[in-house]
Amino acid sequence: MGDGRQAVSLFRREGEECVASLSLEEVRVLRKVASEVVGLLTEGFDHDDPVVLRLFPSVYPTDPVEAAEFRRFTEGDLKTGKIDQAGAVLAALPPEDEADPAGTEIRLDSESAEAWLRAINDVRLAMGVRLDVNEETDLDEELDAELNRDLSSARSFQLSVYAYLGYLQESLLDAIMR
């Protein structure tokens, strides 16, 4: 990092596992965002929701008939896969009432680590739509501006979570690749 702060990797490789020590707040955030994805894909599933459109982009954007036919055959499996991936995050986290305030060690085998990567990606895609963040957005600049504007705003918190999830995803990918 060019600003003088030293990067600390959340995930590290230990043998065949990816391991991280998460604070109680990190456990809470991960539990909440994974649960929200499950809710979005189950009781809150709406084909017109921009988040759903982002998570399930049309394979045939210029042909609505073909797109609907393709969706009819694939959507159920895709939804189940995304729910299972979010479920892998939830399964690895302790229940909130059992989480250690001093921190929780998470150990992921290769299959769980891959599911976590995909689940974190889905959460970031969903949050990116809601926050209007895209590849043109300078996240550091956006976050700094929002924090300077209102440190306690919902947007400040959401941008912070979005940035944290990017960092978590990067550290997990790095641990997988080692």
N, C-alpha and C. Protein backbone atom coordinates (compact mmCIF):
# COMPACT_ATOMS: atom_id res chain seq x y z
N MET A 1 0.85 -1.17 0.00
CA MET A 1 0.00 0.00 0.00
C MET A 1 0.89 1.23 0.00
N GLY A 2 0.58 2.19 -0.84
CA GLY A 2 1.42 3.34 -1.02
C GLY A 2 1.25 4.42 0.03
N ASP A 3 0.35 4.26 0.98
CA ASP A 3 0.09 5.33 1.94
C ASP A 3 0.81 5.13 3.26
N GLY A 4 1.76 4.21 3.31
CA GLY A 4 2.54 4.01 4.53
C GLY A 4 1.97 2.94 5.45
N ARG A 5 0.71 2.55 5.24
CA ARG A 5 0.15 1.47 6.05
C ARG A 5 0.68 0.15 5.54
N GLN A 6 0.87 -0.77 6.45
CA GLN A 6 1.36 -2.08 6.06
C GLN A 6 0.17 -3.03 5.91
N ALA A 7 0.13 -3.73 4.79
CA ALA A 7 -0.96 -4.67 4.55
C ALA A 7 -0.77 -5.90 5.43
N VAL A 8 -1.84 -6.35 6.03
CA VAL A 8 -1.83 -7.57 6.84
C VAL A 8 -2.78 -8.54 6.16
N SER A 9 -2.31 -9.73 5.89
CA SER A 9 -3.15 -10.71 5.22
C SER A 9 -4.09 -11.36 6.22
N LEU A 10 -5.37 -11.35 5.91
CA LEU A 10 -6.34 -12.01 6.78
C LEU A 10 -6.21 -13.52 6.69
N PHE A 11 -6.20 -14.05 5.47
CA PHE A 11 -6.07 -15.49 5.28
C PHE A 11 -4.62 -15.84 5.06
N ARG A 12 -4.26 -16.99 5.57
CA ARG A 12 -2.92 -17.53 5.35
C ARG A 12 -3.09 -19.02 5.03
N ARG A 13 -2.08 -19.56 4.42
CA ARG A 13 -2.12 -20.97 4.06
C ARG A 13 -1.47 -21.78 5.16
N GLU A 14 -2.15 -22.81 5.63
CA GLU A 14 -1.58 -23.78 6.58
C GLU A 14 -1.85 -25.16 6.00
N GLY A 15 -0.82 -25.72 5.38
CA GLY A 15 -0.99 -27.01 4.73
C GLY A 15 -1.99 -26.91 3.61
N GLU A 16 -3.04 -27.70 3.69
CA GLU A 16 -4.08 -27.70 2.67
C GLU A 16 -5.23 -26.74 2.99
N GLU A 17 -5.15 -26.05 4.10
CA GLU A 17 -6.24 -25.18 4.52
C GLU A 17 -5.87 -23.71 4.40
N CYS A 18 -6.91 -22.90 4.23
CA CYS A 18 -6.80 -21.45 4.30
C CYS A 18 -7.37 -21.07 5.67
N VAL A 19 -6.60 -20.31 6.43
CA VAL A 19 -6.95 -20.02 7.82
C VAL A 19 -6.96 -18.51 8.03
N ALA A 20 -7.96 -18.05 8.78
CA ALA A 20 -8.03 -16.63 9.13
C ALA A 20 -8.52 -16.50 10.57
N SER A 21 -8.05 -15.48 11.24
CA SER A 21 -8.56 -15.13 12.56
C SER A 21 -9.44 -13.90 12.38
N LEU A 22 -10.72 -14.06 12.67
CA LEU A 22 -11.68 -12.99 12.46
C LEU A 22 -12.17 -12.46 13.80
N SER A 23 -12.34 -11.16 13.85
CA SER A 23 -12.89 -10.53 15.05
C SER A 23 -14.39 -10.82 15.13
N LEU A 24 -14.96 -10.55 16.27
CA LEU A 24 -16.40 -10.73 16.45
C LEU A 24 -17.18 -9.87 15.45
N GLU A 25 -16.72 -8.64 15.20
CA GLU A 25 -17.39 -7.77 14.24
C GLU A 25 -17.31 -8.33 12.83
N GLU A 26 -16.16 -8.89 12.47
CA GLU A 26 -16.03 -9.50 11.14
C GLU A 26 -16.97 -10.68 11.00
N VAL A 27 -17.07 -11.50 12.03
CA VAL A 27 -18.00 -12.63 12.01
C VAL A 27 -19.43 -12.13 11.82
N ARG A 28 -19.79 -11.09 12.55
CA ARG A 28 -21.14 -10.53 12.44
C ARG A 28 -21.42 -10.01 11.03
N VAL A 29 -20.46 -9.27 10.47
CA VAL A 29 -20.64 -8.72 9.13
C VAL A 29 -20.78 -9.84 8.11
N LEU A 30 -19.90 -10.82 8.17
CA LEU A 30 -19.96 -11.93 7.22
C LEU A 30 -21.26 -12.72 7.36
N ARG A 31 -21.69 -12.95 8.58
CA ARG A 31 -22.95 -13.65 8.81
C ARG A 31 -24.12 -12.85 8.21
N LYS A 32 -24.11 -11.55 8.42
CA LYS A 32 -25.20 -10.70 7.92
C LYS A 32 -25.24 -10.67 6.39
N VAL A 33 -24.08 -10.44 5.75
CA VAL A 33 -24.11 -10.32 4.29
C VAL A 33 -24.42 -11.66 3.63
N ALA A 34 -23.92 -12.76 4.18
CA ALA A 34 -24.24 -14.08 3.61
C ALA A 34 -25.73 -14.38 3.78
N SER A 35 -26.28 -14.03 4.93
CA SER A 35 -27.72 -14.23 5.17
C SER A 35 -28.56 -13.38 4.23
N GLU A 36 -28.11 -12.16 3.95
CA GLU A 36 -28.84 -11.29 3.04
C GLU A 36 -28.86 -11.85 1.62
N VAL A 37 -27.76 -12.45 1.19
CA VAL A 37 -27.74 -13.07 -0.13
C VAL A 37 -28.72 -14.23 -0.18
N VAL A 38 -28.73 -15.05 0.86
CA VAL A 38 -29.69 -16.17 0.90
C VAL A 38 -31.11 -15.63 0.83
N GLY A 39 -31.40 -14.58 1.59
CA GLY A 39 -32.74 -13.98 1.57
C GLY A 39 -33.09 -13.42 0.20
N LEU A 40 -32.15 -12.76 -0.43
CA LEU A 40 -32.37 -12.20 -1.76
C LEU A 40 -32.70 -13.30 -2.77
N LEU A 41 -32.05 -14.45 -2.63
CA LEU A 41 -32.21 -15.53 -3.60
C LEU A 41 -33.38 -16.46 -3.27
N THR A 42 -33.98 -16.27 -2.12
CA THR A 42 -35.12 -17.12 -1.75
C THR A 42 -36.38 -16.26 -1.70
N GLU A 43 -36.73 -15.78 -0.53
CA GLU A 43 -38.00 -15.04 -0.40
C GLU A 43 -37.99 -13.68 -1.10
N GLY A 44 -36.82 -13.09 -1.32
CA GLY A 44 -36.77 -11.78 -1.94
C GLY A 44 -36.45 -11.82 -3.43
N PHE A 45 -36.50 -12.98 -4.04
CA PHE A 45 -36.08 -13.11 -5.44
C PHE A 45 -37.05 -12.39 -6.37
N ASP A 46 -36.53 -11.43 -7.11
CA ASP A 46 -37.34 -10.61 -8.02
C ASP A 46 -36.53 -10.39 -9.29
N HIS A 47 -37.01 -10.91 -10.40
CA HIS A 47 -36.28 -10.80 -11.67
C HIS A 47 -36.05 -9.36 -12.10
N ASP A 48 -36.82 -8.43 -11.59
CA ASP A 48 -36.66 -7.03 -11.97
C ASP A 48 -35.70 -6.26 -11.06
N ASP A 49 -35.25 -6.89 -9.99
CA ASP A 49 -34.31 -6.25 -9.08
C ASP A 49 -32.96 -6.13 -9.79
N PRO A 50 -32.37 -4.93 -9.82
CA PRO A 50 -31.08 -4.77 -10.48
C PRO A 50 -29.99 -5.69 -9.91
N VAL A 51 -30.06 -6.02 -8.63
CA VAL A 51 -29.08 -6.94 -8.05
C VAL A 51 -29.25 -8.33 -8.64
N VAL A 52 -30.48 -8.80 -8.75
CA VAL A 52 -30.73 -10.11 -9.35
C VAL A 52 -30.25 -10.11 -10.80
N LEU A 53 -30.51 -9.02 -11.52
CA LEU A 53 -30.04 -8.93 -12.90
C LEU A 53 -28.51 -8.99 -12.97
N ARG A 54 -27.84 -8.43 -11.98
CA ARG A 54 -26.37 -8.44 -11.96
C ARG A 54 -25.84 -9.84 -11.61
N LEU A 55 -26.51 -10.51 -10.68
CA LEU A 55 -26.08 -11.85 -10.27
C LEU A 55 -26.43 -12.91 -11.32
N PHE A 56 -27.46 -12.64 -12.12
CA PHE A 56 -27.90 -13.58 -13.15
C PHE A 56 -28.02 -12.84 -14.48
N PRO A 57 -26.90 -12.42 -15.04
CA PRO A 57 -26.97 -11.67 -16.30
C PRO A 57 -27.52 -12.53 -17.43
N SER A 58 -28.18 -11.89 -18.36
CA SER A 58 -28.77 -12.59 -19.49
C SER A 58 -27.67 -13.09 -20.42
N VAL A 59 -27.80 -14.33 -20.82
CA VAL A 59 -26.87 -14.92 -21.77
C VAL A 59 -27.21 -14.42 -23.18
N TYR A 60 -28.47 -14.06 -23.38
CA TYR A 60 -28.94 -13.57 -24.67
C TYR A 60 -29.59 -12.20 -24.49
N PRO A 61 -28.80 -11.17 -24.25
CA PRO A 61 -29.38 -9.86 -23.94
C PRO A 61 -30.22 -9.25 -25.07
N THR A 62 -29.99 -9.67 -26.30
CA THR A 62 -30.77 -9.11 -27.42
C THR A 62 -31.94 -9.99 -27.83
N ASP A 63 -32.10 -11.13 -27.18
CA ASP A 63 -33.18 -12.04 -27.53
C ASP A 63 -33.91 -12.49 -26.27
N PRO A 64 -34.96 -11.75 -25.89
CA PRO A 64 -35.67 -12.06 -24.65
C PRO A 64 -36.29 -13.46 -24.62
N VAL A 65 -36.72 -13.97 -25.76
CA VAL A 65 -37.33 -15.31 -25.80
C VAL A 65 -36.27 -16.37 -25.48
N GLU A 66 -35.12 -16.29 -26.14
CA GLU A 66 -34.03 -17.22 -25.86
C GLU A 66 -33.52 -17.07 -24.43
N ALA A 67 -33.44 -15.83 -23.95
CA ALA A 67 -32.98 -15.57 -22.59
C ALA A 67 -33.91 -16.23 -21.58
N ALA A 68 -35.22 -16.10 -21.80
CA ALA A 68 -36.21 -16.69 -20.89
C ALA A 68 -36.11 -18.22 -20.91
N GLU A 69 -35.93 -18.77 -22.09
CA GLU A 69 -35.81 -20.23 -22.22
C GLU A 69 -34.55 -20.73 -21.51
N PHE A 70 -33.44 -20.04 -21.72
CA PHE A 70 -32.20 -20.43 -21.06
C PHE A 70 -32.34 -20.32 -19.54
N ARG A 71 -32.95 -19.23 -19.08
CA ARG A 71 -33.15 -19.02 -17.65
C ARG A 71 -34.01 -20.13 -17.06
N ARG A 72 -35.02 -20.53 -17.80
CA ARG A 72 -35.93 -21.58 -17.31
C ARG A 72 -35.17 -22.86 -16.99
N PHE A 73 -34.16 -23.18 -17.79
CA PHE A 73 -33.41 -24.42 -17.59
C PHE A 73 -32.23 -24.30 -16.64
N THR A 74 -31.73 -23.11 -16.41
CA THR A 74 -30.50 -22.96 -15.63
C THR A 74 -30.66 -22.22 -14.31
N GLU A 75 -31.68 -21.40 -14.20
CA GLU A 75 -31.79 -20.53 -13.04
C GLU A 75 -31.86 -21.27 -11.71
N GLY A 76 -32.60 -22.34 -11.66
CA GLY A 76 -32.74 -23.10 -10.41
C GLY A 76 -31.40 -23.60 -9.90
N ASP A 77 -30.61 -24.18 -10.79
CA ASP A 77 -29.29 -24.68 -10.38
C ASP A 77 -28.35 -23.54 -10.00
N LEU A 78 -28.41 -22.44 -10.74
CA LEU A 78 -27.56 -21.29 -10.42
C LEU A 78 -27.92 -20.71 -9.06
N LYS A 79 -29.22 -20.58 -8.80
CA LYS A 79 -29.66 -20.07 -7.50
C LYS A 79 -29.22 -21.00 -6.38
N THR A 80 -29.42 -22.29 -6.58
CA THR A 80 -29.03 -23.27 -5.56
C THR A 80 -27.53 -23.18 -5.29
N GLY A 81 -26.73 -23.05 -6.34
CA GLY A 81 -25.28 -22.93 -6.18
C GLY A 81 -24.91 -21.69 -5.37
N LYS A 82 -25.54 -20.57 -5.67
CA LYS A 82 -25.25 -19.33 -4.94
C LYS A 82 -25.70 -19.42 -3.48
N ILE A 83 -26.84 -20.05 -3.25
CA ILE A 83 -27.32 -20.24 -1.87
C ILE A 83 -26.36 -21.17 -1.12
N ASP A 84 -25.91 -22.23 -1.78
CA ASP A 84 -24.96 -23.16 -1.14
C ASP A 84 -23.64 -22.46 -0.81
N GLN A 85 -23.19 -21.59 -1.69
CA GLN A 85 -21.94 -20.86 -1.45
C GLN A 85 -22.09 -19.93 -0.24
N ALA A 86 -23.20 -19.21 -0.18
CA ALA A 86 -23.45 -18.36 1.00
C ALA A 86 -23.58 -19.25 2.24
N GLY A 87 -24.18 -20.41 2.07
CA GLY A 87 -24.31 -21.36 3.17
C GLY A 87 -22.96 -21.86 3.66
N ALA A 88 -21.98 -21.98 2.76
CA ALA A 88 -20.63 -22.40 3.17
C ALA A 88 -20.00 -21.35 4.07
N VAL A 89 -20.27 -20.08 3.79
CA VAL A 89 -19.78 -19.01 4.66
C VAL A 89 -20.45 -19.13 6.03
N LEU A 90 -21.76 -19.26 6.02
CA LEU A 90 -22.50 -19.37 7.28
C LEU A 90 -22.08 -20.60 8.08
N ALA A 91 -21.84 -21.71 7.40
CA ALA A 91 -21.46 -22.95 8.08
C ALA A 91 -20.09 -22.85 8.75
N ALA A 92 -19.20 -22.06 8.17
CA ALA A 92 -17.85 -21.93 8.74
C ALA A 92 -17.80 -20.96 9.90
N LEU A 93 -18.82 -20.12 10.03
CA LEU A 93 -18.84 -19.12 11.09
C LEU A 93 -19.56 -19.66 12.31
N PRO A 94 -19.09 -19.31 13.50
CA PRO A 94 -19.82 -19.74 14.69
C PRO A 94 -21.12 -18.97 14.81
N PRO A 95 -22.14 -19.57 15.43
CA PRO A 95 -23.35 -18.78 15.71
C PRO A 95 -22.96 -17.57 16.54
N GLU A 96 -23.68 -16.47 16.36
CA GLU A 96 -23.29 -15.22 17.02
C GLU A 96 -23.18 -15.38 18.54
N ASP A 97 -24.09 -16.15 19.14
CA ASP A 97 -24.05 -16.31 20.59
C ASP A 97 -22.90 -17.20 21.05
N GLU A 98 -22.22 -17.87 20.11
CA GLU A 98 -21.08 -18.71 20.47
C GLU A 98 -19.75 -18.12 19.98
N ALA A 99 -19.81 -16.99 19.29
CA ALA A 99 -18.59 -16.38 18.76
C ALA A 99 -17.77 -15.81 19.92
N ASP A 100 -16.48 -16.05 19.85
CA ASP A 100 -15.57 -15.58 20.88
C ASP A 100 -15.28 -14.09 20.67
N PRO A 101 -15.57 -13.26 21.66
CA PRO A 101 -15.28 -11.82 21.52
C PRO A 101 -13.80 -11.53 21.24
N ALA A 102 -12.93 -12.45 21.60
CA ALA A 102 -11.49 -12.26 21.37
C ALA A 102 -11.09 -12.64 19.94
N GLY A 103 -11.99 -13.26 19.19
CA GLY A 103 -11.68 -13.65 17.82
C GLY A 103 -12.00 -15.11 17.56
N THR A 104 -12.19 -15.42 16.31
CA THR A 104 -12.56 -16.76 15.89
C THR A 104 -11.65 -17.19 14.76
N GLU A 105 -11.11 -18.39 14.86
CA GLU A 105 -10.30 -18.91 13.78
C GLU A 105 -11.19 -19.68 12.81
N ILE A 106 -11.05 -19.34 11.54
CA ILE A 106 -11.80 -19.99 10.47
C ILE A 106 -10.83 -20.83 9.67
N ARG A 107 -11.17 -22.11 9.45
CA ARG A 107 -10.33 -23.01 8.66
C ARG A 107 -11.16 -23.53 7.48
N LEU A 108 -10.64 -23.29 6.29
CA LEU A 108 -11.36 -23.68 5.08
C LEU A 108 -10.54 -24.67 4.28
N ASP A 109 -11.17 -25.81 3.94
CA ASP A 109 -10.52 -26.71 3.00
C ASP A 109 -10.65 -26.09 1.61
N SER A 110 -10.09 -26.72 0.61
CA SER A 110 -10.07 -26.11 -0.72
C SER A 110 -11.48 -25.89 -1.28
N GLU A 111 -12.38 -26.83 -1.06
CA GLU A 111 -13.74 -26.69 -1.56
C GLU A 111 -14.46 -25.53 -0.87
N SER A 112 -14.32 -25.43 0.44
CA SER A 112 -14.94 -24.33 1.19
C SER A 112 -14.34 -22.99 0.80
N ALA A 113 -13.03 -22.96 0.60
CA ALA A 113 -12.37 -21.71 0.21
C ALA A 113 -12.90 -21.22 -1.14
N GLU A 114 -13.08 -22.14 -2.09
CA GLU A 114 -13.64 -21.76 -3.39
C GLU A 114 -15.07 -21.25 -3.24
N ALA A 115 -15.86 -21.90 -2.40
CA ALA A 115 -17.24 -21.46 -2.17
C ALA A 115 -17.24 -20.06 -1.53
N TRP A 116 -16.33 -19.83 -0.59
CA TRP A 116 -16.22 -18.51 0.04
C TRP A 116 -15.88 -17.45 -1.01
N LEU A 117 -14.95 -17.76 -1.89
CA LEU A 117 -14.58 -16.79 -2.93
C LEU A 117 -15.79 -16.40 -3.77
N ARG A 118 -16.55 -17.40 -4.20
CA ARG A 118 -17.71 -17.13 -5.04
C ARG A 118 -18.79 -16.38 -4.25
N ALA A 119 -18.97 -16.74 -2.99
CA ALA A 119 -19.98 -16.06 -2.16
C ALA A 119 -19.59 -14.60 -1.91
N ILE A 120 -18.33 -14.36 -1.60
CA ILE A 120 -17.88 -12.98 -1.39
C ILE A 120 -18.04 -12.18 -2.68
N ASN A 121 -17.74 -12.81 -3.80
CA ASN A 121 -17.93 -12.13 -5.08
C ASN A 121 -19.40 -11.76 -5.29
N ASP A 122 -20.30 -12.67 -4.98
CA ASP A 122 -21.74 -12.38 -5.12
C ASP A 122 -22.15 -11.22 -4.23
N VAL A 123 -21.67 -11.22 -2.99
CA VAL A 123 -22.00 -10.13 -2.06
C VAL A 123 -21.48 -8.81 -2.61
N ARG A 124 -20.25 -8.81 -3.10
CA ARG A 124 -19.67 -7.57 -3.63
C ARG A 124 -20.41 -7.10 -4.88
N LEU A 125 -20.83 -8.03 -5.74
CA LEU A 125 -21.63 -7.64 -6.90
C LEU A 125 -22.94 -7.00 -6.46
N ALA A 126 -23.60 -7.62 -5.50
CA ALA A 126 -24.88 -7.09 -4.99
C ALA A 126 -24.68 -5.71 -4.36
N MET A 127 -23.67 -5.60 -3.50
CA MET A 127 -23.41 -4.31 -2.85
C MET A 127 -23.00 -3.25 -3.87
N GLY A 128 -22.23 -3.65 -4.86
CA GLY A 128 -21.81 -2.71 -5.89
C GLY A 128 -22.99 -2.10 -6.61
N VAL A 129 -24.01 -2.92 -6.89
CA VAL A 129 -25.21 -2.40 -7.54
C VAL A 129 -25.92 -1.42 -6.61
N ARG A 130 -26.12 -1.82 -5.37
CA ARG A 130 -26.84 -0.97 -4.41
C ARG A 130 -26.10 0.34 -4.13
N LEU A 131 -24.76 0.27 -4.11
CA LEU A 131 -23.95 1.46 -3.81
C LEU A 131 -23.57 2.25 -5.06
N ASP A 132 -23.97 1.75 -6.22
CA ASP A 132 -23.61 2.36 -7.50
C ASP A 132 -22.09 2.44 -7.67
N VAL A 133 -21.43 1.35 -7.31
CA VAL A 133 -19.98 1.22 -7.48
C VAL A 133 -19.76 0.38 -8.72
N ASN A 134 -18.85 0.83 -9.57
CA ASN A 134 -18.52 0.06 -10.76
C ASN A 134 -17.03 0.15 -11.02
N GLU A 135 -16.59 -0.38 -12.18
CA GLU A 135 -15.16 -0.42 -12.46
C GLU A 135 -14.54 0.97 -12.61
N GLU A 136 -15.36 1.98 -12.82
CA GLU A 136 -14.87 3.36 -12.93
C GLU A 136 -14.70 4.03 -11.57
N THR A 137 -15.28 3.45 -10.53
CA THR A 137 -15.26 4.05 -9.20
C THR A 137 -13.90 3.88 -8.55
N ASP A 138 -13.37 4.98 -8.03
CA ASP A 138 -12.17 4.91 -7.20
C ASP A 138 -12.67 4.71 -5.77
N LEU A 139 -12.63 3.48 -5.31
CA LEU A 139 -13.22 3.13 -4.02
C LEU A 139 -12.59 3.89 -2.87
N ASP A 140 -11.26 4.01 -2.88
CA ASP A 140 -10.59 4.75 -1.80
C ASP A 140 -11.09 6.20 -1.76
N GLU A 141 -11.17 6.81 -2.93
CA GLU A 141 -11.62 8.20 -3.02
C GLU A 141 -13.08 8.32 -2.56
N GLU A 142 -13.92 7.41 -3.03
CA GLU A 142 -15.34 7.41 -2.67
C GLU A 142 -15.52 7.23 -1.16
N LEU A 143 -14.79 6.29 -0.59
CA LEU A 143 -14.89 6.01 0.84
C LEU A 143 -14.37 7.20 1.65
N ASP A 144 -13.23 7.75 1.27
CA ASP A 144 -12.69 8.92 1.99
C ASP A 144 -13.67 10.08 1.94
N ALA A 145 -14.26 10.34 0.78
CA ALA A 145 -15.20 11.45 0.64
C ALA A 145 -16.42 11.23 1.54
N GLU A 146 -16.92 10.00 1.56
CA GLU A 146 -18.10 9.71 2.39
C GLU A 146 -17.77 9.79 3.87
N LEU A 147 -16.61 9.28 4.26
CA LEU A 147 -16.21 9.34 5.67
C LEU A 147 -16.01 10.80 6.11
N ASN A 148 -15.47 11.63 5.22
CA ASN A 148 -15.31 13.05 5.54
C ASN A 148 -16.65 13.76 5.61
N ARG A 149 -17.61 13.32 4.77
CA ARG A 149 -18.93 13.93 4.76
C ARG A 149 -19.72 13.56 6.01
N ASP A 150 -19.76 12.24 6.31
CA ASP A 150 -20.55 11.79 7.46
C ASP A 150 -20.03 10.42 7.89
N LEU A 151 -19.22 10.44 8.91
CA LEU A 151 -18.58 9.22 9.41
C LEU A 151 -19.60 8.16 9.84
N SER A 152 -20.76 8.58 10.29
CA SER A 152 -21.73 7.63 10.83
C SER A 152 -22.85 7.28 9.84
N SER A 153 -22.72 7.67 8.58
CA SER A 153 -23.79 7.39 7.62
C SER A 153 -23.83 5.90 7.27
N ALA A 154 -24.99 5.47 6.82
CA ALA A 154 -25.14 4.08 6.36
C ALA A 154 -24.23 3.83 5.17
N ARG A 155 -24.10 4.82 4.30
CA ARG A 155 -23.24 4.66 3.12
C ARG A 155 -21.78 4.48 3.53
N SER A 156 -21.32 5.23 4.54
CA SER A 156 -19.94 5.06 5.02
C SER A 156 -19.72 3.63 5.48
N PHE A 157 -20.67 3.12 6.25
CA PHE A 157 -20.55 1.75 6.74
C PHE A 157 -20.57 0.75 5.59
N GLN A 158 -21.50 0.93 4.65
CA GLN A 158 -21.63 -0.01 3.54
C GLN A 158 -20.40 0.02 2.63
N LEU A 159 -19.86 1.20 2.37
CA LEU A 159 -18.64 1.29 1.57
C LEU A 159 -17.47 0.64 2.30
N SER A 160 -17.43 0.80 3.62
CA SER A 160 -16.37 0.16 4.42
C SER A 160 -16.49 -1.36 4.34
N VAL A 161 -17.70 -1.88 4.43
CA VAL A 161 -17.91 -3.33 4.32
C VAL A 161 -17.53 -3.80 2.92
N TYR A 162 -17.92 -3.05 1.91
CA TYR A 162 -17.57 -3.40 0.53
C TYR A 162 -16.06 -3.47 0.36
N ALA A 163 -15.34 -2.48 0.88
CA ALA A 163 -13.88 -2.45 0.80
C ALA A 163 -13.28 -3.63 1.58
N TYR A 164 -13.80 -3.88 2.78
CA TYR A 164 -13.33 -4.99 3.60
C TYR A 164 -13.50 -6.32 2.86
N LEU A 165 -14.67 -6.52 2.23
CA LEU A 165 -14.91 -7.77 1.51
C LEU A 165 -13.95 -7.93 0.34
N GLY A 166 -13.60 -6.83 -0.31
CA GLY A 166 -12.60 -6.90 -1.38
C GLY A 166 -11.25 -7.34 -0.85
N TYR A 167 -10.89 -6.79 0.29
CA TYR A 167 -9.63 -7.15 0.93
C TYR A 167 -9.66 -8.62 1.37
N LEU A 168 -10.77 -9.04 1.95
CA LEU A 168 -10.92 -10.43 2.38
C LEU A 168 -10.82 -11.38 1.19
N GLN A 169 -11.49 -11.03 0.11
CA GLN A 169 -11.48 -11.84 -1.11
C GLN A 169 -10.06 -11.94 -1.67
N GLU A 170 -9.37 -10.83 -1.70
CA GLU A 170 -8.00 -10.82 -2.21
C GLU A 170 -7.08 -11.68 -1.34
N SER A 171 -7.24 -11.57 -0.03
CA SER A 171 -6.37 -12.36 0.85
C SER A 171 -6.67 -13.85 0.75
N LEU A 172 -7.94 -14.20 0.58
CA LEU A 172 -8.31 -15.61 0.40
C LEU A 172 -7.77 -16.14 -0.92
N LEU A 173 -7.90 -15.38 -1.96
CA LEU A 173 -7.37 -15.80 -3.26
C LEU A 173 -5.86 -15.99 -3.18
N ASP A 174 -5.18 -15.07 -2.51
CA ASP A 174 -3.74 -15.19 -2.33
C ASP A 174 -3.38 -16.48 -1.57
N ALA A 175 -4.14 -16.77 -0.51
CA ALA A 175 -3.89 -17.99 0.28
C ALA A 175 -4.15 -19.25 -0.55
N ILE A 176 -5.19 -19.24 -1.37
CA ILE A 176 -5.49 -20.39 -2.23
C ILE A 176 -4.37 -20.62 -3.22
N MET A 177 -3.85 -19.54 -3.78
CA MET A 177 -2.84 -19.64 -4.83
C MET A 177 -1.46 -20.05 -4.31
N ARG A 178 -1.23 -19.92 -3.02
CA ARG A 178 0.09 -20.27 -2.47
C ARG A 178 0.31 -21.76 -2.45
